[in-house]
Each structure stands twice: as structure tokens, then as C-alpha cells.
Amino acid sequence: MSDTRRRVKVYTLNEDRQWDDRGTGHVSSTYVDELKGMSLLVRAESDGSLLLESKINPNTAYQKQQDTLIVWSEAENYDLALSFQEKAGCDEIWEKICQEDEKFLSEVFAQLTDEATDDDKRRELVNFFKEFCAFSQTLQPQNRDAFFKTLAKLGILPALEIVMGMDDLQVRSAATDIFSYLVEFSPSMVREFVMQEAQQSDDDILLINVVIEQMICDTDPELGGAVQLMGLLRTLIDPENMLATTNKTEKSEFLNFFYNHCMHVLTAPLLTNTSEDKCEKDFFLKHYRYSWSFICTPSHSHSHSTPSSSISQDNIVGSNKNNTICPDNYQTAQLLALILELLTFCVEHHTYHIKNYIMNKDLLRRVLVLMNSKHTFLALCALRFMRRIIGLKDEFYNRYITKGNLFEPVINALLDNGTRYNLLNSAVIELFEFIRVEDIKSLTAHIVENFYKALESIEYVQTFKGLKTKYEQEKDRQNQKLNSVPSILRSNRFRRDAKALEEDEEMWFNEDEEEEGKAVVAPVEKSKPEDDFPDNYEKFMETKKAKESEDKENLPKRTSPGGFKFTFSHSASAANGTNSKSVVAQTPPATSNGSSSKTTNLPTSVTATKGSLVGLVDYPDDEEEDEEEETSPRKRPRLGS
């Protein structure tokens, strides 16, 4: 009885694109001396004549279709097909073909990564793989899967890791294209490889860090390669294509890996270009092998800034000439914009991983330094990053923003922009309008209490007046609520609120002072009459206000009549509280009439300029009015003149 598994019909494609039946026979795979390789032979079942003799060529794209068909092209306009009687026979011959492919591909990988291979040969090999991967897109899904799984098994990813780090630009470009095919095919396969690799290799040679470095080192003025690589990185860190099984969750495992081993490489250019500390710059340059150059120049004028006619250039709000920023170089600015786009994606999709990173690195403060860039697109990227954070309406983020006084550079940028109605103006207004519409109370209170005087003159939108209205309505509501309970309950209530706030905040901020975890209100004596409550409450408020004054880092300064200036520090220590006890407000220059400002030492060790704290300071002649309004725990401490 004949072997029906190997029984096939041989077809060829004619000029009319129709399949011609060449006969029925039995197929085998054997070595043919004349062809010098493994070949497919089909002998007719009628007389044993040779119907087909075809060498298995690794350069030939074989396709398996419908379980019982193998199709390929041997020459231009000469297509062949074997139609099997049984699926088992088709699978057997298909396995023989793939084995020959694997042998060939193994030899190619060896040559590709061999240091002895000359540049021309390596360029030829990597381009072959690129074309091979491109052609695979025309295969049936199951054939394409088999192809990429074969590449992965043979070591395509370790080979790419070596090739992508080579000096030859064409080789790196082709390797990037191959990597993109692999990521598109199976991001999970790539993620699994890099996580296993991390157990055996140092961070700087991990494949994903090689990809990040190639993005950073792109020499194309338009950063075409960097844009492509950034898209691939975004695919790899996208939780939407991560798998979750009963035994493990790819999302948590990979994100833990990425933030521990790769995020510092991604953010290094950003941290370097926004650092005031030369030692920190040197650290990044020493530890990260980047070929890109960064240019640190004092920021004098900004292309998106137009001063109002009534304010001189020296008194423009936010034009802090002592700030040294680096993204004035266009290519560097483009790179930082790409990094910010990726970080913004992380804010939207990574929840607590990126939240921990932002707060531990004080990342938002560093990003907002870029609001000073002369490149409006980069300033907008920095603003978009903050907008996404605020859009989450997360009180931990909100507390981080208010404690770090991080609205200051945004408001400076708005005031710097003057009367120009442009994209920057619209984006800043939209951010504050979102806070107003969503009624984010903690941010509303912070903005009104600290910046309203500088913003109240903006009347072409009702955003800031609306924020003030929201603030006052909430204040009235709190007053009514406070007046509806007995005094002893009021005091206990405030004690619980203050303690709860400290306990929540302690999860995210490690303060040096142990007393922050303690209640700030002394126990209320039950024997005291209810009439004594105002004195106790006033003491509570004074204690709380003194605490807030310690947290306050920078004070606004009036630089000329009608002009405000907020000095913004982007040092990491500011957010950690290490500098919050000794902030010094700069004394403004002498006024036109020859008089100079005097400084007064305050009990909280904050040196303030007399008469320069308009909008943030309560004056003695307003004391009676302030006492009537002083029911909100958000009230800023009074600084005497």
C-alpha cells in the first residue's frame, strides 16, 4: 500500500495566472549532489518519472496555506505549489523546509555579529534580514508567526542588540527597521527577552537601553530615527498590549523592570538639561555614554515672550536671567520634547509607577524649567505634562504641586507672554479653566491665595474670577459648617483632619522633621466655656500658618508698579523640604525716586522685602478684615511689614 501522507499534486502557475496540474506523485526531501543541497523531489505515481526537483533555498519565501498547501516562487513569473492529500504529510515536508531555513539563518546570525565580518558584508546581511522581515508581512498569519518565532529562537534579539550599537549608520537604521517588525509582531516576546536579559547583564547594555540611547544619539537634524524608536518604546511600555495570566501579570513585572533599569536612562537628558548643579551634570555625562551635545546658556529673551508696554524688559515677570537652561539648541529641544511625550504617556497609563518616580525625583519641577525655553513647542510639551497630571485629579499629585509651588513657572510664562493671544496663552488658560470647571478645591485655594493679585487683571476670560468665586463659595460653606457644630467638636475635628493629612502625605514624602506626624492642636480642656473657643482656634490657626510658612519656598516680588515676579527654584531639595526653612526673597533694585527697599527679619526665618509681597501678604491695616475671614485652614501666614 502506497504512503498516502506523501501523495501530492504538482501545480505551476501559467501566464494567465491559472494553476496547471502537472501530475500526481509522491514527495520526498533528500540531498541532491548536482544541486548541492537538500531538495524536494516528486516522482509520478504512474511511472516513477520525475515531476519536480527543487532545491530548498533559504532565500526562497515558502508559504504554507490551508494546512495542505505549500507555495513558493523559484524564479520570476514561475510559481510552484504542492497540494497534499493529508495534512500530516504537508506538516512533515514543511518542517524539513524550515530546518534548512534555520541552518541558513544561524550561519547568517553568526556572520552578522562576528567582529571579523567586514562592514560591506555586515551591511549586506542586515539588509537581507530587513527585506526578509518585510516580505514576511505578505505571509499568512500562521506562517508569519512561525517565521518570527524561528528568528527569536535563533537569537535575532541578541544580534540586534550588538548591531544597533555599531557605528555604521546604515546598519543601525536597518537594524531599527528589523526591531520594529519584531515589536509589531509580538511586544510580549521582546519584553520577555529584556526581562530575562536583566538578570544576567548590566543596565547599560540591555537591549531596551540600547534602543533608548539610539533615540538620544540620533544625528538626524529632524530626529527621524528618534521618532521611530520613541514609537517602539511606547508600544513596549503600553499596558494595553500586556498579557495577564493566572500565574503572573506581565504589566506589573515589566513596569517594575522598566522603572528600575531603564527610566533613569530615558530621563537622563531631561535631568541634565534642567540641572543647576554642575556636579549633577558631570554625573550624568560620566555614567551615560551619550554623543549628543547640550548647550547651557543663560536665558535672556524668549521667542514666545512679549512684554506688555508698561513693563520694562528688566522687570518682565518670569524673566529670571539667573536661571541657566539648556534647551536653546533646537535639536536638543526636539529630543526633550520626545522624552516629554513619552513621560506624558506614562502619566496617563502607568498610575503608581510614574507617580512614585515623579515624586521621588521631583520630576515635575525639572520639567517646568523648560517653560523658560525659547522654543514654544518645548514649553507646550512641559505644560502638557503638567496638564495630564492635574487631569488625573489625584490629591497626592495636587499636594505635591501646591507644596512645591509648581504653578509659579506656569503663571510666570503666562505673564511673560503678555498680551499675545497664541497657543501658549490658550494652553495655560485651559489648564486653569479645567481646575475651575472640575472644582479641584485644593488647587483652587492654592492659586487664589498665592497668585490671584497677579492674575486679577486678566479679564479677557472669566477663568480667574471664576476661581476666586469658587474659592469664596467653598470658604463660606466651610464657615457655615464650622458654625453648625459645638466648639469642642470643632477643635477635635480640626485635629483629626490635620493628623489625617500628615499620615496620608507621609506615604509619599519623607520629611526630616519627626514632629510633622504629630497633631498640631493641643487637647481642648472641657472645663473651658464655649466662649473661649475663638482664642483656642486662633492659636490653632497661628500654629498651622507658621507650619505653612515653613513649607513656602519662594515669595513673589513686585518689580515695578503693577508688575509681579515669582522666583522659581528648580532644585530637587526644594520639594524635599530641605530649603524650605531659609528661603530669601531677593531685594528689588532701587526705585526711580532713589529710595531703596528695606528688609525685615521674620520669625519664620524668611527675609521679605518691605512692600514687595503684594497679593500674598496681609498688611496690618487689613488685620480686622482678615480676622473675620480667617476661618479656612488654607489661609496663608501673615507676614508683617
Foldseek 3Di string as FASTA:
>chain_A
DDDQLQKKWKWKQDPVRDTDTQAIFGWDWDADPVVRAIWIWGAHPPPRHTSDTGHLDLLWDWADPPLFKIKTADDVRIIMMIGGPDSVSVVVVVVVSVVVNLVVVLVLLCLLQDPPNDPVSNLVSLVSLLVVLVVLVPYDPVSSVVVVVSCVVSPLQVSLLRQCPDDDPSSVVSSLSNVVSNLVNPLPSVLVVQLVVVVPDALCSGSLNSLLLCLQQDPPLVSPVVVSSLVSVLSNLFQVRWDDDPVDGRNVSSLVVCLVRPPCSLCLLLCLQLDPDPVSVVVSVVPHPHPDDWAKDFQQDAQLFDADPVDDSVQQAPRPRVGIGTPQPPSSLVSLLSSLVSLLSCLVGVPPSSVLVCLVQVPLLSQLSQCSHSDVSSVVSSLSSVLSNVVVLDVLSLCLCLLQVVCQSLVSSLRRSPPDDDPSVVSSLVSLQVCLVVVSPSNLLSCQQAPLVLVVVPDVDCSSVSSVVSNVVVLVVLVVVLVVDQLLVSLVVVQVVQLVVLVVNVVRAPAPDPCSNHGQADHDDPPDDSVCSVVSVVSSLQSLQLVSQLSDAWAWFAQDVSGIYTDHDSDPVNSNSPRSQAHEYDFHDADPVRDGWDWDQWPSNYIDTPPTRPSNADEPVCVVVVSVSPPDSSNHDHTYD
